[in-house]
N, C-alpha and C. Protein backbone atom coordinates (compact mmCIF):
# COMPACT_ATOMS: atom_id res chain seq x y z
N MET A 1 -71.88 -14.75 -47.24
CA MET A 1 -71.57 -16.29 -46.46
C MET A 1 -70.30 -16.82 -47.32
N TYR A 2 -70.29 -16.85 -48.01
CA TYR A 2 -69.11 -17.49 -49.34
C TYR A 2 -67.91 -16.90 -48.44
N ARG A 3 -67.89 -15.63 -48.60
CA ARG A 3 -66.47 -14.86 -47.88
C ARG A 3 -66.12 -15.19 -46.54
N GLN A 4 -67.39 -15.36 -45.42
CA GLN A 4 -67.08 -15.71 -44.06
C GLN A 4 -66.59 -17.10 -44.28
N ARG A 5 -67.03 -18.52 -45.08
CA ARG A 5 -66.83 -19.67 -45.07
C ARG A 5 -64.99 -19.93 -45.39
N VAL A 6 -64.99 -18.94 -46.55
CA VAL A 6 -63.56 -19.17 -47.00
C VAL A 6 -62.48 -18.29 -45.87
N ASN A 7 -62.89 -17.31 -45.27
CA ASN A 7 -61.96 -16.92 -43.98
C ASN A 7 -61.77 -17.95 -42.80
N VAL A 8 -62.99 -18.67 -42.85
CA VAL A 8 -62.87 -19.61 -41.79
C VAL A 8 -61.90 -20.60 -42.33
N MET A 9 -62.17 -21.32 -43.34
CA MET A 9 -61.09 -22.69 -43.80
C MET A 9 -59.87 -21.83 -44.15
N ASN A 10 -59.40 -20.73 -44.43
CA ASN A 10 -58.08 -20.20 -44.40
C ASN A 10 -57.43 -20.13 -42.99
N ARG A 11 -58.30 -19.72 -42.04
CA ARG A 11 -58.06 -19.45 -40.49
C ARG A 11 -57.76 -20.93 -39.97
N ASN A 12 -58.48 -22.02 -40.08
CA ASN A 12 -58.28 -23.17 -40.02
C ASN A 12 -57.28 -23.96 -40.53
N ARG A 13 -56.63 -23.42 -41.71
CA ARG A 13 -55.58 -24.06 -42.48
C ARG A 13 -54.18 -23.41 -41.66
N ILE A 14 -54.32 -21.88 -41.17
CA ILE A 14 -53.22 -21.70 -40.65
C ILE A 14 -53.02 -21.96 -39.30
N VAL A 15 -53.92 -22.35 -38.78
CA VAL A 15 -53.80 -22.82 -37.44
C VAL A 15 -53.23 -24.29 -37.48
N ALA A 16 -53.58 -25.07 -38.41
CA ALA A 16 -53.01 -26.63 -38.65
C ALA A 16 -51.76 -26.28 -38.85
N ILE A 17 -51.26 -25.56 -39.87
CA ILE A 17 -49.64 -25.14 -40.26
C ILE A 17 -48.90 -24.95 -39.08
N LEU A 18 -49.41 -24.04 -38.29
CA LEU A 18 -48.78 -23.35 -36.89
C LEU A 18 -48.64 -24.42 -36.04
N ILE A 19 -49.75 -25.45 -35.70
CA ILE A 19 -49.56 -26.28 -35.05
C ILE A 19 -48.76 -27.53 -35.62
N ALA A 20 -48.11 -27.56 -36.75
CA ALA A 20 -47.57 -28.74 -37.50
C ALA A 20 -46.02 -28.38 -37.47
N VAL A 21 -45.95 -26.99 -37.51
CA VAL A 21 -44.57 -26.32 -37.26
C VAL A 21 -44.17 -26.44 -36.05
N LEU A 22 -44.78 -26.22 -34.93
CA LEU A 22 -44.59 -26.19 -33.64
C LEU A 22 -44.18 -27.55 -33.17
N LEU A 23 -44.99 -28.59 -33.46
CA LEU A 23 -44.59 -30.09 -33.27
C LEU A 23 -43.76 -30.44 -33.95
N LEU A 24 -43.25 -30.08 -35.31
CA LEU A 24 -42.02 -30.25 -35.94
C LEU A 24 -40.53 -29.78 -35.25
N ALA A 25 -40.88 -28.94 -34.90
CA ALA A 25 -40.05 -27.94 -33.73
C ALA A 25 -39.59 -28.44 -32.30
N GLY A 26 -40.78 -29.11 -32.05
CA GLY A 26 -40.44 -29.63 -30.65
C GLY A 26 -40.58 -28.96 -29.65
N ALA A 27 -41.48 -27.61 -30.00
CA ALA A 27 -41.57 -26.27 -29.23
C ALA A 27 -43.25 -26.34 -28.74
N ALA A 28 -44.10 -27.34 -29.12
CA ALA A 28 -45.42 -27.41 -28.88
C ALA A 28 -46.08 -27.29 -27.53
N PRO A 29 -46.74 -26.38 -27.43
CA PRO A 29 -47.17 -26.38 -26.08
C PRO A 29 -48.07 -27.95 -25.69
N ASP A 30 -48.39 -28.28 -24.51
CA ASP A 30 -48.86 -29.57 -24.21
C ASP A 30 -50.01 -29.39 -24.45
N PHE A 31 -50.77 -28.90 -25.50
CA PHE A 31 -52.27 -28.82 -25.79
C PHE A 31 -52.26 -30.37 -26.26
N ALA A 32 -51.77 -30.96 -27.27
CA ALA A 32 -51.56 -31.97 -28.09
C ALA A 32 -51.93 -33.66 -26.74
N GLN A 33 -52.87 -34.05 -26.79
CA GLN A 33 -53.24 -34.94 -25.61
C GLN A 33 -52.50 -35.82 -25.67
N ALA A 34 -51.80 -36.63 -24.52
CA ALA A 34 -51.46 -37.64 -24.19
C ALA A 34 -51.94 -38.88 -24.83
N ALA A 35 -51.06 -40.18 -25.14
CA ALA A 35 -51.97 -41.61 -25.35
C ALA A 35 -52.72 -41.87 -24.14
N SER A 36 -52.35 -41.50 -23.17
CA SER A 36 -53.11 -41.61 -21.90
C SER A 36 -52.84 -40.90 -20.87
N PRO A 37 -54.06 -40.49 -20.21
CA PRO A 37 -53.87 -39.36 -19.20
C PRO A 37 -52.97 -39.83 -18.05
N SER A 38 -53.17 -40.90 -17.83
CA SER A 38 -52.73 -41.96 -16.81
C SER A 38 -51.24 -42.14 -16.74
N VAL A 39 -50.61 -41.89 -17.95
CA VAL A 39 -49.01 -41.72 -18.18
C VAL A 39 -48.52 -40.95 -18.82
N GLN A 40 -47.42 -40.06 -18.07
CA GLN A 40 -46.87 -38.75 -18.47
C GLN A 40 -45.44 -38.99 -19.07
N VAL A 41 -44.73 -38.92 -20.10
CA VAL A 41 -43.31 -39.29 -20.50
C VAL A 41 -43.14 -37.69 -20.60
N ARG A 42 -42.10 -36.91 -20.17
CA ARG A 42 -41.11 -35.73 -20.55
C ARG A 42 -39.75 -36.23 -20.71
N TYR A 43 -39.45 -35.38 -21.53
CA TYR A 43 -37.91 -35.23 -21.99
C TYR A 43 -37.09 -34.05 -21.15
N ILE A 44 -36.27 -34.77 -20.55
CA ILE A 44 -35.57 -33.69 -19.61
C ILE A 44 -34.43 -33.42 -20.28
N HIS A 45 -34.01 -32.26 -21.16
CA HIS A 45 -32.96 -31.80 -21.82
C HIS A 45 -32.71 -32.42 -22.84
N PRO A 46 -33.39 -32.94 -23.77
CA PRO A 46 -33.02 -33.67 -25.19
C PRO A 46 -31.83 -32.98 -25.80
N LYS A 47 -31.82 -31.93 -25.87
CA LYS A 47 -30.44 -31.41 -26.88
C LYS A 47 -29.26 -32.05 -25.88
N HIS A 48 -29.38 -32.53 -24.99
CA HIS A 48 -27.79 -32.89 -24.37
C HIS A 48 -28.02 -34.56 -24.18
N PHE A 49 -28.72 -34.79 -24.98
CA PHE A 49 -28.87 -36.67 -24.78
C PHE A 49 -27.77 -37.09 -25.83
N THR A 50 -27.34 -38.20 -25.48
CA THR A 50 -25.82 -38.98 -25.90
C THR A 50 -25.95 -38.88 -27.40
N GLU A 51 -27.20 -39.11 -27.68
CA GLU A 51 -27.80 -39.50 -29.37
C GLU A 51 -27.31 -38.03 -30.14
N THR A 52 -28.19 -37.17 -29.49
CA THR A 52 -27.95 -35.78 -30.12
C THR A 52 -26.49 -35.27 -30.24
N ARG A 53 -25.77 -35.60 -29.23
CA ARG A 53 -24.37 -35.15 -28.98
C ARG A 53 -23.25 -35.69 -29.95
N PHE A 54 -23.70 -36.93 -30.37
CA PHE A 54 -22.69 -37.84 -30.98
C PHE A 54 -23.63 -38.04 -32.38
N THR A 55 -24.28 -37.11 -32.94
CA THR A 55 -24.98 -37.04 -34.48
C THR A 55 -24.09 -36.13 -34.94
N PRO A 56 -23.35 -36.44 -36.11
CA PRO A 56 -22.50 -35.60 -36.89
C PRO A 56 -23.39 -34.42 -37.59
N PRO A 57 -22.75 -33.06 -37.57
CA PRO A 57 -23.33 -31.69 -37.74
C PRO A 57 -24.24 -31.81 -39.13
N SER A 58 -23.44 -32.83 -40.17
CA SER A 58 -24.58 -32.79 -41.71
C SER A 58 -25.59 -33.58 -41.37
N GLU A 59 -25.82 -34.35 -39.97
CA GLU A 59 -27.02 -35.13 -39.84
C GLU A 59 -28.19 -34.66 -38.64
N ARG A 60 -28.11 -33.52 -38.36
CA ARG A 60 -28.56 -32.97 -37.40
C ARG A 60 -30.01 -32.28 -37.46
N ILE A 61 -30.22 -32.15 -38.84
CA ILE A 61 -31.58 -31.59 -39.51
C ILE A 61 -32.33 -32.52 -39.35
N GLY A 62 -33.35 -32.80 -38.18
CA GLY A 62 -34.23 -33.63 -37.91
C GLY A 62 -33.88 -34.55 -37.10
N SER A 63 -32.76 -34.69 -36.85
CA SER A 63 -32.15 -35.68 -35.70
C SER A 63 -32.67 -35.85 -34.43
N MET A 64 -33.85 -34.99 -33.69
CA MET A 64 -34.63 -35.47 -32.78
C MET A 64 -36.16 -35.48 -33.26
N ASP A 65 -36.46 -36.09 -34.48
CA ASP A 65 -37.19 -36.20 -34.86
C ASP A 65 -38.20 -37.74 -34.27
N TYR A 66 -37.20 -38.43 -33.63
CA TYR A 66 -37.70 -39.73 -33.09
C TYR A 66 -38.12 -39.67 -32.03
N LEU A 67 -38.09 -38.21 -31.31
CA LEU A 67 -38.57 -38.13 -29.72
C LEU A 67 -40.35 -38.37 -29.53
N ALA A 68 -40.74 -37.58 -30.43
CA ALA A 68 -42.26 -37.48 -30.70
C ALA A 68 -42.81 -38.75 -30.31
N PRO A 69 -42.31 -39.86 -31.57
CA PRO A 69 -43.02 -40.92 -31.60
C PRO A 69 -42.78 -42.17 -30.66
N LEU A 70 -41.25 -41.68 -29.99
CA LEU A 70 -40.96 -42.85 -29.07
C LEU A 70 -41.83 -42.27 -27.49
N LYS A 71 -42.01 -40.80 -27.44
CA LYS A 71 -42.99 -40.75 -26.36
C LYS A 71 -44.44 -41.31 -26.58
N ARG A 72 -45.22 -41.00 -27.77
CA ARG A 72 -46.60 -41.52 -27.85
C ARG A 72 -46.56 -43.26 -27.59
N TYR A 73 -45.20 -43.95 -28.03
CA TYR A 73 -45.34 -45.51 -27.85
C TYR A 73 -45.11 -45.65 -26.66
N ILE A 74 -44.18 -44.60 -25.92
CA ILE A 74 -44.06 -45.52 -24.17
C ILE A 74 -45.32 -44.92 -23.64
N GLU A 75 -45.86 -44.04 -23.81
CA GLU A 75 -47.16 -43.65 -23.13
C GLU A 75 -48.26 -44.73 -23.38
N LYS A 76 -48.53 -45.05 -24.69
CA LYS A 76 -49.56 -46.31 -25.04
C LYS A 76 -49.18 -47.72 -24.31
N ARG A 77 -47.92 -47.90 -24.45
CA ARG A 77 -47.44 -49.38 -23.42
C ARG A 77 -47.75 -49.04 -22.25
N ALA A 78 -47.16 -48.26 -21.61
CA ALA A 78 -47.27 -47.81 -19.97
C ALA A 78 -48.44 -48.00 -19.67
N ALA A 79 -49.37 -47.54 -20.54
CA ALA A 79 -50.74 -47.28 -20.02
C ALA A 79 -51.28 -48.81 -19.97
N LYS A 80 -50.96 -49.78 -20.81
CA LYS A 80 -51.15 -51.42 -20.61
C LYS A 80 -50.89 -51.68 -19.51
N VAL A 81 -49.76 -51.27 -18.96
CA VAL A 81 -49.47 -52.41 -17.76
C VAL A 81 -49.52 -51.62 -16.41
N ILE A 82 -49.69 -50.49 -16.28
CA ILE A 82 -50.39 -49.67 -15.06
C ILE A 82 -51.99 -50.09 -14.59
N GLN A 83 -52.09 -50.32 -13.26
CA GLN A 83 -53.78 -50.67 -13.05
C GLN A 83 -54.41 -49.19 -13.11
N PRO A 84 -55.81 -49.91 -13.20
CA PRO A 84 -56.49 -48.47 -13.18
C PRO A 84 -56.59 -47.82 -11.93
N GLY A 85 -56.40 -46.21 -12.28
CA GLY A 85 -56.48 -45.39 -11.18
C GLY A 85 -55.05 -45.07 -10.83
N GLN A 86 -53.79 -45.69 -11.48
CA GLN A 86 -52.55 -45.63 -11.08
C GLN A 86 -52.20 -44.52 -12.50
N LYS A 87 -51.55 -43.63 -11.71
CA LYS A 87 -50.58 -42.68 -12.55
C LYS A 87 -48.96 -42.79 -12.75
N LEU A 88 -48.73 -42.78 -13.70
CA LEU A 88 -46.94 -43.00 -13.75
C LEU A 88 -46.46 -42.05 -14.63
N SER A 89 -45.54 -41.31 -14.02
CA SER A 89 -44.70 -40.21 -14.60
C SER A 89 -43.19 -40.58 -15.08
N ILE A 90 -42.83 -40.69 -16.36
CA ILE A 90 -41.48 -41.14 -16.92
C ILE A 90 -40.58 -39.81 -16.91
N GLU A 91 -39.73 -39.62 -16.53
CA GLU A 91 -38.55 -38.55 -16.79
C GLU A 91 -37.24 -39.12 -17.68
N ILE A 92 -37.42 -38.72 -19.11
CA ILE A 92 -36.26 -39.65 -19.69
C ILE A 92 -35.20 -38.67 -19.79
N THR A 93 -33.91 -39.08 -19.11
CA THR A 93 -32.75 -38.00 -19.21
C THR A 93 -31.80 -38.19 -20.08
N ASP A 94 -31.77 -39.43 -20.73
CA ASP A 94 -30.86 -39.70 -21.77
C ASP A 94 -31.25 -40.69 -22.67
N ILE A 95 -30.81 -40.72 -24.02
CA ILE A 95 -31.13 -41.99 -25.02
C ILE A 95 -29.70 -41.80 -25.75
N LYS A 96 -29.69 -43.25 -26.13
CA LYS A 96 -28.51 -43.22 -27.49
C LYS A 96 -29.20 -44.24 -28.12
N ARG A 97 -29.58 -43.77 -29.51
CA ARG A 97 -30.25 -45.01 -30.16
C ARG A 97 -29.34 -46.37 -30.59
N ALA A 98 -29.33 -47.31 -30.90
CA ALA A 98 -28.85 -48.32 -31.35
C ALA A 98 -28.42 -47.84 -32.62
N GLY A 99 -27.03 -48.36 -32.89
CA GLY A 99 -26.30 -47.90 -33.60
C GLY A 99 -25.39 -46.85 -33.77
N ASN A 100 -24.52 -46.40 -34.47
CA ASN A 100 -23.79 -45.16 -34.50
C ASN A 100 -23.47 -44.61 -35.83
N TYR A 101 -23.31 -43.40 -35.68
CA TYR A 101 -22.67 -42.82 -37.34
C TYR A 101 -21.40 -43.15 -37.46
N GLU A 102 -20.87 -43.65 -38.47
CA GLU A 102 -19.70 -43.74 -38.88
C GLU A 102 -19.35 -43.15 -40.39
N PRO A 103 -18.24 -42.41 -40.84
CA PRO A 103 -17.98 -42.20 -41.99
C PRO A 103 -18.07 -42.99 -43.14
N TRP A 104 -18.77 -42.59 -43.97
CA TRP A 104 -18.95 -43.26 -44.89
C TRP A 104 -18.75 -42.69 -46.90
N PRO A 105 -17.80 -42.88 -47.01
CA PRO A 105 -17.05 -42.38 -48.23
C PRO A 105 -17.83 -42.63 -49.22
N GLY A 106 -18.16 -41.25 -50.11
CA GLY A 106 -19.15 -41.43 -51.24
C GLY A 106 -20.64 -41.07 -50.88
N GLY A 107 -21.00 -40.86 -49.65
CA GLY A 107 -22.62 -41.06 -49.43
C GLY A 107 -22.81 -39.50 -49.60
N PRO A 108 -24.36 -39.12 -49.48
CA PRO A 108 -24.66 -37.96 -49.62
C PRO A 108 -23.73 -37.06 -48.76
N SER A 109 -23.74 -37.57 -47.36
CA SER A 109 -23.26 -36.30 -46.69
C SER A 109 -21.87 -37.25 -45.64
N GLY A 110 -21.89 -37.86 -46.15
CA GLY A 110 -20.35 -38.77 -45.51
C GLY A 110 -20.49 -39.48 -44.86
N TRP A 111 -21.67 -39.45 -43.74
CA TRP A 111 -21.84 -40.36 -42.76
C TRP A 111 -22.96 -41.46 -42.70
N MET A 112 -23.10 -42.37 -42.03
CA MET A 112 -24.17 -43.28 -42.17
C MET A 112 -24.04 -43.95 -41.11
N ARG A 113 -25.39 -43.85 -40.53
CA ARG A 113 -25.88 -45.21 -39.06
C ARG A 113 -25.34 -46.37 -39.12
N VAL A 114 -24.94 -46.90 -38.68
CA VAL A 114 -24.32 -48.47 -38.75
C VAL A 114 -24.67 -49.09 -37.25
N VAL A 115 -25.65 -49.90 -37.44
CA VAL A 115 -26.16 -51.02 -36.29
C VAL A 115 -25.28 -52.45 -36.19
N ARG A 116 -24.28 -52.36 -35.17
CA ARG A 116 -23.72 -53.20 -34.62
C ARG A 116 -24.14 -53.58 -33.40
N SER A 117 -23.54 -54.66 -32.73
CA SER A 117 -23.70 -55.17 -31.30
C SER A 117 -22.68 -54.31 -30.24
N ASP A 118 -21.85 -53.45 -30.99
CA ASP A 118 -21.11 -52.78 -29.65
C ASP A 118 -21.57 -51.30 -29.79
N TYR A 119 -23.02 -51.17 -30.11
CA TYR A 119 -23.42 -49.74 -30.36
C TYR A 119 -25.01 -50.21 -29.77
N PRO A 120 -25.20 -50.59 -28.40
CA PRO A 120 -26.67 -50.93 -28.10
C PRO A 120 -27.29 -49.83 -27.93
N PRO A 121 -28.64 -49.96 -27.85
CA PRO A 121 -29.51 -48.82 -27.61
C PRO A 121 -29.50 -48.72 -25.89
N ARG A 122 -29.61 -47.13 -25.42
CA ARG A 122 -29.53 -46.91 -23.87
C ARG A 122 -30.61 -45.96 -23.81
N ILE A 123 -31.21 -46.02 -22.54
CA ILE A 123 -32.26 -45.01 -22.23
C ILE A 123 -31.98 -44.97 -20.48
N THR A 124 -31.78 -43.66 -20.35
CA THR A 124 -31.94 -43.49 -18.88
C THR A 124 -33.14 -43.01 -18.61
N LEU A 125 -33.62 -43.23 -17.62
CA LEU A 125 -34.93 -42.37 -17.12
C LEU A 125 -35.59 -42.70 -15.57
N HIS A 126 -36.25 -41.59 -15.18
CA HIS A 126 -36.76 -41.91 -13.82
C HIS A 126 -38.17 -41.97 -13.67
N PHE A 127 -38.66 -42.66 -12.98
CA PHE A 127 -40.31 -42.89 -12.93
C PHE A 127 -40.78 -42.68 -11.67
N THR A 128 -41.89 -42.68 -11.39
CA THR A 128 -42.52 -42.48 -9.91
C THR A 128 -44.31 -42.87 -10.19
N LEU A 129 -44.69 -44.04 -9.71
CA LEU A 129 -45.78 -44.79 -10.16
C LEU A 129 -46.70 -44.32 -8.54
N HIS A 130 -48.05 -43.15 -9.17
CA HIS A 130 -48.78 -43.25 -7.88
C HIS A 130 -49.86 -44.35 -8.03
N GLY A 131 -50.36 -44.45 -6.79
CA GLY A 131 -51.61 -45.48 -6.40
C GLY A 131 -52.69 -44.13 -6.84
N ALA A 132 -53.60 -44.88 -6.84
CA ALA A 132 -55.16 -44.26 -7.09
C ALA A 132 -55.28 -43.17 -6.00
N ASP A 133 -55.11 -43.20 -4.80
CA ASP A 133 -55.23 -42.49 -4.01
C ASP A 133 -53.59 -41.31 -3.53
N GLY A 134 -52.83 -41.26 -4.50
CA GLY A 134 -52.14 -40.25 -4.94
C GLY A 134 -50.96 -40.68 -3.97
N SER A 135 -50.62 -41.87 -3.74
CA SER A 135 -49.70 -42.29 -2.81
C SER A 135 -48.49 -42.74 -3.97
N VAL A 136 -47.25 -42.61 -3.27
CA VAL A 136 -46.24 -43.30 -4.08
C VAL A 136 -46.16 -44.90 -4.14
N LEU A 137 -46.23 -45.51 -5.10
CA LEU A 137 -46.09 -46.90 -5.08
C LEU A 137 -44.73 -47.23 -5.19
N LYS A 138 -44.00 -46.90 -6.26
CA LYS A 138 -42.77 -47.45 -6.86
C LYS A 138 -42.10 -45.49 -7.17
N LYS A 139 -40.69 -45.84 -7.15
CA LYS A 139 -40.32 -44.64 -7.43
C LYS A 139 -38.49 -45.28 -7.83
N GLY A 140 -38.12 -44.74 -8.93
CA GLY A 140 -36.57 -45.01 -9.20
C GLY A 140 -36.07 -44.47 -10.56
N THR A 141 -34.97 -44.95 -10.39
CA THR A 141 -33.80 -44.55 -11.45
C THR A 141 -33.58 -45.88 -12.70
N ARG A 142 -33.87 -45.82 -13.64
CA ARG A 142 -33.59 -47.27 -14.24
C ARG A 142 -32.38 -46.61 -15.69
N HIS A 143 -31.35 -47.71 -15.84
CA HIS A 143 -30.56 -47.38 -16.98
C HIS A 143 -30.34 -48.66 -17.82
N LEU A 144 -31.49 -48.28 -18.60
CA LEU A 144 -31.76 -49.71 -19.99
C LEU A 144 -30.86 -49.68 -21.21
N ILE A 145 -30.26 -50.84 -21.09
CA ILE A 145 -29.00 -51.26 -21.85
C ILE A 145 -29.64 -52.31 -22.72
N GLY A 146 -29.63 -52.38 -23.91
CA GLY A 146 -30.05 -53.95 -24.44
C GLY A 146 -28.95 -54.48 -25.36
N MET A 147 -28.18 -54.98 -24.46
CA MET A 147 -26.95 -55.77 -24.62
C MET A 147 -27.34 -56.81 -26.01
N GLY A 148 -28.10 -57.46 -25.56
CA GLY A 148 -28.36 -58.33 -27.02
C GLY A 148 -29.41 -57.93 -27.90
N PHE A 149 -29.48 -56.90 -27.97
CA PHE A 149 -30.41 -56.09 -29.04
C PHE A 149 -30.57 -56.86 -30.30
N MET A 150 -29.01 -57.13 -30.77
CA MET A 150 -28.78 -58.08 -32.02
C MET A 150 -29.69 -59.51 -32.36
N SER A 151 -29.96 -59.80 -31.12
CA SER A 151 -30.52 -61.49 -31.07
C SER A 151 -32.36 -61.11 -30.95
N TRP A 152 -32.37 -59.71 -30.97
CA TRP A 152 -34.21 -59.67 -30.85
C TRP A 152 -34.52 -60.14 -31.99
N SER A 153 -35.49 -60.84 -32.27
CA SER A 153 -36.14 -61.33 -33.22
C SER A 153 -37.32 -60.43 -33.79
N MET A 154 -36.99 -59.69 -35.16
CA MET A 154 -38.13 -58.93 -35.68
C MET A 154 -38.04 -58.84 -36.97
N PRO A 155 -37.99 -60.19 -37.49
CA PRO A 155 -38.66 -60.17 -39.02
C PRO A 155 -39.49 -59.49 -39.44
N GLY A 156 -38.64 -58.28 -40.94
CA GLY A 156 -39.42 -57.78 -41.38
C GLY A 156 -40.16 -56.10 -40.78
N ASN A 157 -39.66 -56.12 -39.24
CA ASN A 157 -39.87 -54.62 -39.14
C ASN A 157 -38.57 -53.79 -39.16
N SER A 158 -39.24 -52.70 -39.89
CA SER A 158 -37.93 -51.61 -40.38
C SER A 158 -38.55 -50.40 -39.62
N ASP A 159 -39.00 -50.46 -38.60
CA ASP A 159 -39.33 -49.39 -37.87
C ASP A 159 -37.77 -48.76 -37.12
N PRO A 160 -37.57 -47.56 -37.76
CA PRO A 160 -36.26 -46.90 -37.27
C PRO A 160 -36.17 -47.07 -35.76
N LEU A 161 -37.21 -47.15 -34.82
CA LEU A 161 -37.17 -47.00 -33.37
C LEU A 161 -37.27 -48.42 -32.89
N ARG A 162 -37.47 -49.46 -33.51
CA ARG A 162 -38.01 -51.11 -33.14
C ARG A 162 -37.15 -51.22 -32.11
N TYR A 163 -35.43 -51.11 -31.85
CA TYR A 163 -34.83 -51.31 -30.93
C TYR A 163 -34.87 -50.65 -29.50
N GLU A 164 -35.20 -49.38 -29.58
CA GLU A 164 -35.66 -48.55 -28.68
C GLU A 164 -37.17 -48.95 -27.66
N LYS A 165 -38.18 -49.42 -28.79
CA LYS A 165 -39.26 -49.96 -28.46
C LYS A 165 -39.03 -51.00 -27.92
N THR A 166 -38.31 -51.97 -28.03
CA THR A 166 -38.29 -53.00 -27.57
C THR A 166 -37.65 -53.14 -26.24
N LEU A 167 -36.65 -52.15 -26.37
CA LEU A 167 -36.02 -51.87 -24.89
C LEU A 167 -37.29 -51.34 -23.91
N ILE A 168 -37.61 -50.43 -24.23
CA ILE A 168 -38.84 -50.13 -22.97
C ILE A 168 -39.86 -51.25 -23.05
N ASP A 169 -40.37 -51.86 -23.89
CA ASP A 169 -41.39 -53.12 -23.63
C ASP A 169 -40.63 -54.30 -22.64
N HIS A 170 -39.34 -54.38 -22.79
CA HIS A 170 -38.89 -55.25 -22.13
C HIS A 170 -38.65 -54.85 -20.42
N TRP A 171 -38.61 -53.83 -20.24
CA TRP A 171 -38.52 -52.88 -19.16
C TRP A 171 -39.94 -52.76 -18.35
N LEU A 172 -40.82 -52.65 -19.15
CA LEU A 172 -42.53 -52.71 -18.95
C LEU A 172 -42.85 -54.01 -18.37
N ARG A 173 -42.35 -55.16 -19.16
CA ARG A 173 -42.68 -56.50 -18.75
C ARG A 173 -42.15 -57.11 -17.95
N HIS A 174 -40.73 -57.07 -17.84
CA HIS A 174 -40.08 -58.00 -17.38
C HIS A 174 -38.46 -57.21 -16.39
N GLY A 175 -38.66 -56.15 -16.54
CA GLY A 175 -37.64 -55.12 -15.91
C GLY A 175 -37.85 -55.48 -14.48
N GLU A 176 -36.63 -55.23 -13.78
CA GLU A 176 -36.63 -55.39 -12.33
C GLU A 176 -37.63 -54.49 -11.49
N ASN A 177 -38.38 -55.18 -10.76
CA ASN A 177 -39.42 -54.60 -10.12
C ASN A 177 -40.59 -54.00 -11.06
N LYS A 178 -40.85 -54.83 -11.84
CA LYS A 178 -41.86 -54.71 -12.89
C LYS A 178 -42.94 -53.61 -12.50
N LEU A 179 -43.47 -52.78 -13.00
CA LEU A 179 -44.68 -52.02 -12.68
C LEU A 179 -45.84 -52.46 -12.52
């Protein structure tokens, strides 16, 4: 009995470790539930995103770690905006986070992300909003750019995705042809 319990515990640990590795690698199958079944967010070729292409080689380890939390955030926020029964599909085709890497002499890798007004956050996406009957209510492409992002009031907010999340919130609440 004890041996059987230990084997089950070890098996569960191995499964948990494998899931964590797959999630960190970005290769996990979609068995992890979305924040809302009514909203689906997909990244299309994230290795080709502007953010990825302009990240210095020394900074690339973990450089795509922002994608999973941003996806969860978008799913959660968009679910609050759409009407009951509607389904929203969002395909993100490009992201450039606020700021840019600049050479930083004496730093551990020689590069540092610097946030200035001339490096606004940018997100390009395609969306389709379906009604409860499955009909397409709205469809489009949006090129979101946070031109005034430095003036967005965020006292005490140290979230590294705060500008991108605010850009998404602005689109969902106030964007052209609001959802």
